[in-house]
Amino acid sequence: MNRTDLRAALAAAGVPEGHYRIEGVHEPAPTPPDFLFLRRSPDGAWETGAYERGLYEVITHHGTEAEACAALLRLLT
C-alpha cells in the first residue's frame, strides 16, 4: 500500500478527513487542531505520529512507505 492507496482506504472506511494528514497526498487546510500523520523523516525513513497543541510527536518509525501506511491505517480504523 502506498500513500494514495491509504487515503482511498481511509475514505472507504469513513474516517473523517480532518483526523489525519498524509504528506504529499492529504494535507487539510486550515490545519486541524489535532490529527494523526504520516510523513517522511529527514533521514529518509517514514514516521507516523500525532499532532496536538501545535507539536508533532512521532510514535513510530518505519523503513518503508508500505509499513508506515499500514501503521496509520491500523491507528485510524
PDB file of N, CA and C in Angstrom:
ATOM      1  N   MET A   1       0.847  -1.174   0.000  1.00  0.00           N
ATOM      2  CA  MET A   1       0.000   0.000   0.000  1.00  0.00           C
ATOM      3  C   MET A   1       0.892   1.236   0.000  1.00  0.00           C
ATOM      4  N   ASN A   2       0.529   2.220  -0.828  1.00  0.00           N
ATOM      5  CA  ASN A   2       1.241   3.489  -0.816  1.00  0.00           C
ATOM      6  C   ASN A   2       0.323   4.569  -0.226  1.00  0.00           C
ATOM      7  N   ARG A   3       0.789   5.801  -0.193  1.00  0.00           N
ATOM      8  CA  ARG A   3       0.027   6.873   0.445  1.00  0.00           C
ATOM      9  C   ARG A   3      -1.300   7.155  -0.257  1.00  0.00           C
ATOM     10  N   THR A   4      -1.325   7.061  -1.577  1.00  0.00           N
ATOM     11  CA  THR A   4      -2.569   7.273  -2.319  1.00  0.00           C
ATOM     12  C   THR A   4      -3.572   6.174  -1.987  1.00  0.00           C
ATOM     13  N   ASP A   5      -3.099   4.925  -1.945  1.00  0.00           N
ATOM     14  CA  ASP A   5      -3.972   3.802  -1.567  1.00  0.00           C
ATOM     15  C   ASP A   5      -4.493   3.983  -0.139  1.00  0.00           C
ATOM     16  N   LEU A   6      -3.640   4.463   0.750  1.00  0.00           N
ATOM     17  CA  LEU A   6      -4.036   4.678   2.131  1.00  0.00           C
ATOM     18  C   LEU A   6      -5.160   5.700   2.223  1.00  0.00           C
ATOM     19  N   ARG A   7      -5.032   6.785   1.508  1.00  0.00           N
ATOM     20  CA  ARG A   7      -6.094   7.804   1.550  1.00  0.00           C
ATOM     21  C   ARG A   7      -7.409   7.211   1.068  1.00  0.00           C
ATOM     22  N   ALA A   8      -7.373   6.420   0.007  1.00  0.00           N
ATOM     23  CA  ALA A   8      -8.590   5.788  -0.507  1.00  0.00           C
ATOM     24  C   ALA A   8      -9.183   4.823   0.520  1.00  0.00           C
ATOM     25  N   ALA A   9      -8.318   4.072   1.198  1.00  0.00           N
ATOM     26  CA  ALA A   9      -8.786   3.116   2.206  1.00  0.00           C
ATOM     27  C   ALA A   9      -9.421   3.840   3.386  1.00  0.00           C
ATOM     28  N   LEU A  10      -8.836   4.953   3.805  1.00  0.00           N
ATOM     29  CA  LEU A  10      -9.398   5.719   4.916  1.00  0.00           C
ATOM     30  C   LEU A  10     -10.741   6.333   4.535  1.00  0.00           C
ATOM     31  N   ALA A  11     -10.850   6.821   3.308  1.00  0.00           N
ATOM     32  CA  ALA A  11     -12.128   7.372   2.837  1.00  0.00           C
ATOM     33  C   ALA A  11     -13.187   6.276   2.787  1.00  0.00           C
ATOM     34  N   ALA A  12     -12.815   5.107   2.288  1.00  0.00           N
ATOM     35  CA  ALA A  12     -13.758   3.981   2.202  1.00  0.00           C
ATOM     36  C   ALA A  12     -14.215   3.533   3.586  1.00  0.00           C
ATOM     37  N   ALA A  13     -13.335   3.667   4.577  1.00  0.00           N
ATOM     38  CA  ALA A  13     -13.674   3.274   5.945  1.00  0.00           C
ATOM     39  C   ALA A  13     -14.473   4.358   6.669  1.00  0.00           C
ATOM     40  N   GLY A  14     -14.643   5.504   6.026  1.00  0.00           N
ATOM     41  CA  GLY A  14     -15.411   6.583   6.624  1.00  0.00           C
ATOM     42  C   GLY A  14     -14.671   7.420   7.650  1.00  0.00           C
ATOM     43  N   VAL A  15     -13.350   7.379   7.623  1.00  0.00           N
ATOM     44  CA  VAL A  15     -12.553   8.176   8.563  1.00  0.00           C
ATOM     45  C   VAL A  15     -12.625   9.650   8.128  1.00  0.00           C
ATOM     46  N   PRO A  16     -13.068  10.538   9.000  1.00  0.00           N
ATOM     47  CA  PRO A  16     -13.150  11.956   8.631  1.00  0.00           C
ATOM     48  C   PRO A  16     -11.795  12.518   8.192  1.00  0.00           C
ATOM     49  N   GLU A  17     -11.811  13.342   7.151  1.00  0.00           N
ATOM     50  CA  GLU A  17     -10.572  13.869   6.576  1.00  0.00           C
ATOM     51  C   GLU A  17      -9.756  14.721   7.535  1.00  0.00           C
ATOM     52  N   GLY A  18     -10.367  15.323   8.519  1.00  0.00           N
ATOM     53  CA  GLY A  18      -9.643  16.146   9.469  1.00  0.00           C
ATOM     54  C   GLY A  18      -8.919  15.357  10.540  1.00  0.00           C
ATOM     55  N   HIS A  19      -9.066  14.034  10.523  1.00  0.00           N
ATOM     56  CA  HIS A  19      -8.429  13.202  11.546  1.00  0.00           C
ATOM     57  C   HIS A  19      -7.013  12.779  11.172  1.00  0.00           C
ATOM     58  N   TYR A  20      -6.586  13.073   9.932  1.00  0.00           N
ATOM     59  CA  TYR A  20      -5.265  12.608   9.504  1.00  0.00           C
ATOM     60  C   TYR A  20      -4.650  13.554   8.483  1.00  0.00           C
ATOM     61  N   ARG A  21      -3.323  13.450   8.373  1.00  0.00           N
ATOM     62  CA  ARG A  21      -2.535  14.174   7.369  1.00  0.00           C
ATOM     63  C   ARG A  21      -1.548  13.186   6.777  1.00  0.00           C
ATOM     64  N   ILE A  22      -1.531  13.091   5.459  1.00  0.00           N
ATOM     65  CA  ILE A  22      -0.604  12.210   4.755  1.00  0.00           C
ATOM     66  C   ILE A  22       0.253  13.107   3.864  1.00  0.00           C
ATOM     67  N   GLU A  23       1.511  13.215   4.201  1.00  0.00           N
ATOM     68  CA  GLU A  23       2.414  14.126   3.492  1.00  0.00           C
ATOM     69  C   GLU A  23       2.348  13.914   1.982  1.00  0.00           C
ATOM     70  N   GLY A  24       2.112  15.007   1.254  1.00  0.00           N
ATOM     71  CA  GLY A  24       2.113  14.979  -0.198  1.00  0.00           C
ATOM     72  C   GLY A  24       0.846  14.440  -0.826  1.00  0.00           C
ATOM     73  N   VAL A  25      -0.083  13.925  -0.014  1.00  0.00           N
ATOM     74  CA  VAL A  25      -1.300  13.319  -0.555  1.00  0.00           C
ATOM     75  C   VAL A  25      -2.555  13.958   0.035  1.00  0.00           C
ATOM     76  N   HIS A  26      -2.560  14.166   1.334  1.00  0.00           N
ATOM     77  CA  HIS A  26      -3.728  14.745   2.006  1.00  0.00           C
ATOM     78  C   HIS A  26      -3.234  15.654   3.121  1.00  0.00           C
ATOM     79  N   GLU A  27      -3.297  16.956   2.856  1.00  0.00           N
ATOM     80  CA  GLU A  27      -2.824  17.949   3.818  1.00  0.00           C
ATOM     81  C   GLU A  27      -3.938  18.977   4.022  1.00  0.00           C
ATOM     82  N   PRO A  28      -4.851  18.701   4.975  1.00  0.00           N
ATOM     83  CA  PRO A  28      -6.009  19.569   5.159  1.00  0.00           C
ATOM     84  C   PRO A  28      -5.625  21.016   5.476  1.00  0.00           C
ATOM     85  N   ALA A  29      -6.399  21.942   4.909  1.00  0.00           N
ATOM     86  CA  ALA A  29      -6.205  23.366   5.198  1.00  0.00           C
ATOM     87  C   ALA A  29      -7.573  23.970   5.474  1.00  0.00           C
ATOM     88  N   PRO A  30      -7.701  24.696   6.533  1.00  0.00           N
ATOM     89  CA  PRO A  30      -6.688  25.011   7.526  1.00  0.00           C
ATOM     90  C   PRO A  30      -6.304  23.772   8.327  1.00  0.00           C
ATOM     91  N   THR A  31      -5.160  23.849   8.965  1.00  0.00           N
ATOM     92  CA  THR A  31      -4.665  22.722   9.756  1.00  0.00           C
ATOM     93  C   THR A  31      -5.591  22.462  10.935  1.00  0.00           C
ATOM     94  N   PRO A  32      -6.084  21.207  11.068  1.00  0.00           N
ATOM     95  CA  PRO A  32      -6.921  20.877  12.229  1.00  0.00           C
ATOM     96  C   PRO A  32      -6.118  21.010  13.531  1.00  0.00           C
ATOM     97  N   PRO A  33      -6.798  21.155  14.676  1.00  0.00           N
ATOM     98  CA  PRO A  33      -6.087  21.322  15.949  1.00  0.00           C
ATOM     99  C   PRO A  33      -5.329  20.071  16.393  1.00  0.00           C
ATOM    100  N   ASP A  34      -5.796  18.899  15.966  1.00  0.00           N
ATOM    101  CA  ASP A  34      -5.085  17.650  16.272  1.00  0.00           C
ATOM    102  C   ASP A  34      -5.426  16.608  15.221  1.00  0.00           C
ATOM    103  N   PHE A  35      -4.457  15.746  14.935  1.00  0.00           N
ATOM    104  CA  PHE A  35      -4.639  14.705  13.924  1.00  0.00           C
ATOM    105  C   PHE A  35      -3.486  13.719  14.002  1.00  0.00           C
ATOM    106  N   LEU A  36      -3.653  12.575  13.347  1.00  0.00           N
ATOM    107  CA  LEU A  36      -2.563  11.618  13.184  1.00  0.00           C
ATOM    108  C   LEU A  36      -1.900  11.895  11.840  1.00  0.00           C
ATOM    109  N   PHE A  37      -0.616  11.588  11.730  1.00  0.00           N
ATOM    110  CA  PHE A  37       0.090  11.915  10.491  1.00  0.00           C
ATOM    111  C   PHE A  37       0.999  10.786  10.031  1.00  0.00           C
ATOM    112  N   LEU A  38       1.333  10.871   8.743  1.00  0.00           N
ATOM    113  CA  LEU A  38       2.345  10.026   8.116  1.00  0.00           C
ATOM    114  C   LEU A  38       3.224  10.970   7.317  1.00  0.00           C
ATOM    115  N   ARG A  39       4.536  10.884   7.521  1.00  0.00           N
ATOM    116  CA  ARG A  39       5.458  11.750   6.798  1.00  0.00           C
ATOM    117  C   ARG A  39       6.818  11.079   6.662  1.00  0.00           C
ATOM    118  N   ARG A  40       7.608  11.612   5.736  1.00  0.00           N
ATOM    119  CA  ARG A  40       8.980  11.148   5.566  1.00  0.00           C
ATOM    120  C   ARG A  40       9.854  11.931   6.534  1.00  0.00           C
ATOM    121  N   SER A  41      10.746  11.226   7.205  1.00  0.00           N
ATOM    122  CA  SER A  41      11.650  11.880   8.147  1.00  0.00           C
ATOM    123  C   SER A  41      12.881  12.404   7.395  1.00  0.00           C
ATOM    124  N   PRO A  42      13.645  13.291   8.012  1.00  0.00           N
ATOM    125  CA  PRO A  42      14.833  13.838   7.351  1.00  0.00           C
ATOM    126  C   PRO A  42      15.844  12.778   6.916  1.00  0.00           C
ATOM    127  N   ASP A  43      15.882  11.634   7.607  1.00  0.00           N
ATOM    128  CA  ASP A  43      16.833  10.584   7.240  1.00  0.00           C
ATOM    129  C   ASP A  43      16.302   9.646   6.163  1.00  0.00           C
ATOM    130  N   GLY A  44      15.092   9.919   5.628  1.00  0.00           N
ATOM    131  CA  GLY A  44      14.533   9.116   4.548  1.00  0.00           C
ATOM    132  C   GLY A  44      13.616   7.999   4.999  1.00  0.00           C
ATOM    133  N   ALA A  45      13.524   7.746   6.287  1.00  0.00           N
ATOM    134  CA  ALA A  45      12.590   6.740   6.805  1.00  0.00           C
ATOM    135  C   ALA A  45      11.185   7.353   6.802  1.00  0.00           C
ATOM    136  N   TRP A  46      10.217   6.627   7.323  1.00  0.00           N
ATOM    137  CA  TRP A  46       8.842   7.101   7.412  1.00  0.00           C
ATOM    138  C   TRP A  46       8.431   7.160   8.868  1.00  0.00           C
ATOM    139  N   GLU A  47       7.601   8.146   9.205  1.00  0.00           N
ATOM    140  CA  GLU A  47       7.145   8.325  10.579  1.00  0.00           C
ATOM    141  C   GLU A  47       5.621   8.391  10.617  1.00  0.00           C
ATOM    142  N   THR A  48       5.058   7.834  11.673  1.00  0.00           N
ATOM    143  CA  THR A  48       3.650   8.054  11.987  1.00  0.00           C
ATOM    144  C   THR A  48       3.608   8.635  13.386  1.00  0.00           C
ATOM    145  N   GLY A  49       2.602   9.467  13.624  1.00  0.00           N
ATOM    146  CA  GLY A  49       2.515  10.083  14.936  1.00  0.00           C
ATOM    147  C   GLY A  49       1.278  10.927  15.093  1.00  0.00           C
ATOM    148  N   ALA A  50       1.305  11.783  16.095  1.00  0.00           N
ATOM    149  CA  ALA A  50       0.166  12.637  16.423  1.00  0.00           C
ATOM    150  C   ALA A  50       0.609  14.098  16.478  1.00  0.00           C
ATOM    151  N   TYR A  51      -0.263  14.953  16.001  1.00  0.00           N
ATOM    152  CA  TYR A  51      -0.079  16.400  16.091  1.00  0.00           C
ATOM    153  C   TYR A  51      -1.112  16.901  17.081  1.00  0.00           C
ATOM    154  N   GLU A  52      -0.642  17.530  18.151  1.00  0.00           N
ATOM    155  CA  GLU A  52      -1.531  18.069  19.169  1.00  0.00           C
ATOM    156  C   GLU A  52      -0.920  19.346  19.732  1.00  0.00           C
ATOM    157  N   ARG A  53      -1.763  20.332  19.935  1.00  0.00           N
ATOM    158  CA  ARG A  53      -1.341  21.591  20.554  1.00  0.00           C
ATOM    159  C   ARG A  53      -0.125  22.212  19.856  1.00  0.00           C
ATOM    160  N   GLY A  54      -0.092  22.086  18.535  1.00  0.00           N
ATOM    161  CA  GLY A  54       0.980  22.694  17.763  1.00  0.00           C
ATOM    162  C   GLY A  54       2.281  21.924  17.713  1.00  0.00           C
ATOM    163  N   LEU A  55       2.300  20.710  18.265  1.00  0.00           N
ATOM    164  CA  LEU A  55       3.522  19.902  18.282  1.00  0.00           C
ATOM    165  C   LEU A  55       3.320  18.564  17.595  1.00  0.00           C
ATOM    166  N   TYR A  56       4.312  18.164  16.823  1.00  0.00           N
ATOM    167  CA  TYR A  56       4.317  16.835  16.212  1.00  0.00           C
ATOM    168  C   TYR A  56       5.024  15.880  17.160  1.00  0.00           C
ATOM    169  N   GLU A  57       4.395  14.746  17.467  1.00  0.00           N
ATOM    170  CA  GLU A  57       5.017  13.719  18.290  1.00  0.00           C
ATOM    171  C   GLU A  57       5.065  12.421  17.486  1.00  0.00           C
ATOM    172  N   VAL A  58       6.263  11.990  17.146  1.00  0.00           N
ATOM    173  CA  VAL A  58       6.438  10.756  16.383  1.00  0.00           C
ATOM    174  C   VAL A  58       6.182   9.567  17.307  1.00  0.00           C
ATOM    175  N   ILE A  59       5.325   8.659  16.841  1.00  0.00           N
ATOM    176  CA  ILE A  59       5.008   7.450  17.604  1.00  0.00           C
ATOM    177  C   ILE A  59       5.864   6.283  17.130  1.00  0.00           C
ATOM    178  N   THR A  60       5.979   6.132  15.807  1.00  0.00           N
ATOM    179  CA  THR A  60       6.753   5.012  15.261  1.00  0.00           C
ATOM    180  C   THR A  60       7.545   5.448  14.033  1.00  0.00           C
ATOM    181  N   HIS A  61       8.647   4.751  13.805  1.00  0.00           N
ATOM    182  CA  HIS A  61       9.480   4.910  12.611  1.00  0.00           C
ATOM    183  C   HIS A  61       9.344   3.646  11.781  1.00  0.00           C
ATOM    184  N   HIS A  62       9.378   3.796  10.451  1.00  0.00           N
ATOM    185  CA  HIS A  62       9.196   2.660   9.550  1.00  0.00           C
ATOM    186  C   HIS A  62      10.223   2.721   8.431  1.00  0.00           C
ATOM    187  N   GLY A  63      10.659   1.567   7.981  1.00  0.00           N
ATOM    188  CA  GLY A  63      11.646   1.500   6.917  1.00  0.00           C
ATOM    189  C   GLY A  63      11.077   1.708   5.534  1.00  0.00           C
ATOM    190  N   THR A  64       9.771   1.439   5.367  1.00  0.00           N
ATOM    191  CA  THR A  64       9.160   1.583   4.048  1.00  0.00           C
ATOM    192  C   THR A  64       7.856   2.362   4.136  1.00  0.00           C
ATOM    193  N   GLU A  65       7.466   2.920   3.011  1.00  0.00           N
ATOM    194  CA  GLU A  65       6.187   3.621   2.921  1.00  0.00           C
ATOM    195  C   GLU A  65       5.033   2.674   3.227  1.00  0.00           C
ATOM    196  N   ALA A  66       5.107   1.451   2.719  1.00  0.00           N
ATOM    197  CA  ALA A  66       4.037   0.470   2.938  1.00  0.00           C
ATOM    198  C   ALA A  66       3.844   0.167   4.424  1.00  0.00           C
ATOM    199  N   GLU A  67       4.936   0.024   5.149  1.00  0.00           N
ATOM    200  CA  GLU A  67       4.836  -0.240   6.592  1.00  0.00           C
ATOM    201  C   GLU A  67       4.196   0.940   7.315  1.00  0.00           C
ATOM    202  N   ALA A  68       4.586   2.147   6.947  1.00  0.00           N
ATOM    203  CA  ALA A  68       4.025   3.344   7.578  1.00  0.00           C
ATOM    204  C   ALA A  68       2.542   3.482   7.261  1.00  0.00           C
ATOM    205  N   CYS A  69       2.161   3.197   6.025  1.00  0.00           N
ATOM    206  CA  CYS A  69       0.747   3.269   5.641  1.00  0.00           C
ATOM    207  C   CYS A  69      -0.079   2.260   6.431  1.00  0.00           C
ATOM    208  N   ALA A  70       0.426   1.054   6.570  1.00  0.00           N
ATOM    209  CA  ALA A  70      -0.292   0.029   7.330  1.00  0.00           C
ATOM    210  C   ALA A  70      -0.443   0.450   8.791  1.00  0.00           C
ATOM    211  N   ALA A  71       0.581   1.063   9.345  1.00  0.00           N
ATOM    212  CA  ALA A  71       0.519   1.506  10.743  1.00  0.00           C
ATOM    213  C   ALA A  71      -0.529   2.598  10.925  1.00  0.00           C
ATOM    214  N   LEU A  72      -0.577   3.581  10.025  1.00  0.00           N
ATOM    215  CA  LEU A  72      -1.556   4.647  10.164  1.00  0.00           C
ATOM    216  C   LEU A  72      -2.969   4.104   9.947  1.00  0.00           C
ATOM    217  N   LEU A  73      -3.128   3.202   9.025  1.00  0.00           N
ATOM    218  CA  LEU A  73      -4.438   2.582   8.807  1.00  0.00           C
ATOM    219  C   LEU A  73      -4.918   1.882  10.071  1.00  0.00           C
ATOM    220  N   ARG A  74      -4.026   1.158  10.736  1.00  0.00           N
ATOM    221  CA  ARG A  74      -4.395   0.492  11.999  1.00  0.00           C
ATOM    222  C   ARG A  74      -4.792   1.494  13.074  1.00  0.00           C
ATOM    223  N   LEU A  75      -4.071   2.601  13.144  1.00  0.00           N
ATOM    224  CA  LEU A  75      -4.369   3.609  14.154  1.00  0.00           C
ATOM    225  C   LEU A  75      -5.735   4.278  13.942  1.00  0.00           C
ATOM    226  N   LEU A  76      -6.138   4.400  12.691  1.00  0.00           N
ATOM    227  CA  LEU A  76      -7.354   5.150  12.375  1.00  0.00           C
ATOM    228  C   LEU A  76      -8.602   4.291  12.172  1.00  0.00           C
ATOM    229  N   THR A  77      -8.430   2.980  12.073  1.00  0.00           N
ATOM    230  CA  THR A  77      -9.610   2.128  11.844  1.00  0.00           C
ATOM    231  C   THR A  77      -9.743   1.087  12.925  1.00  0.00           C
TER     232      THR A  77
END
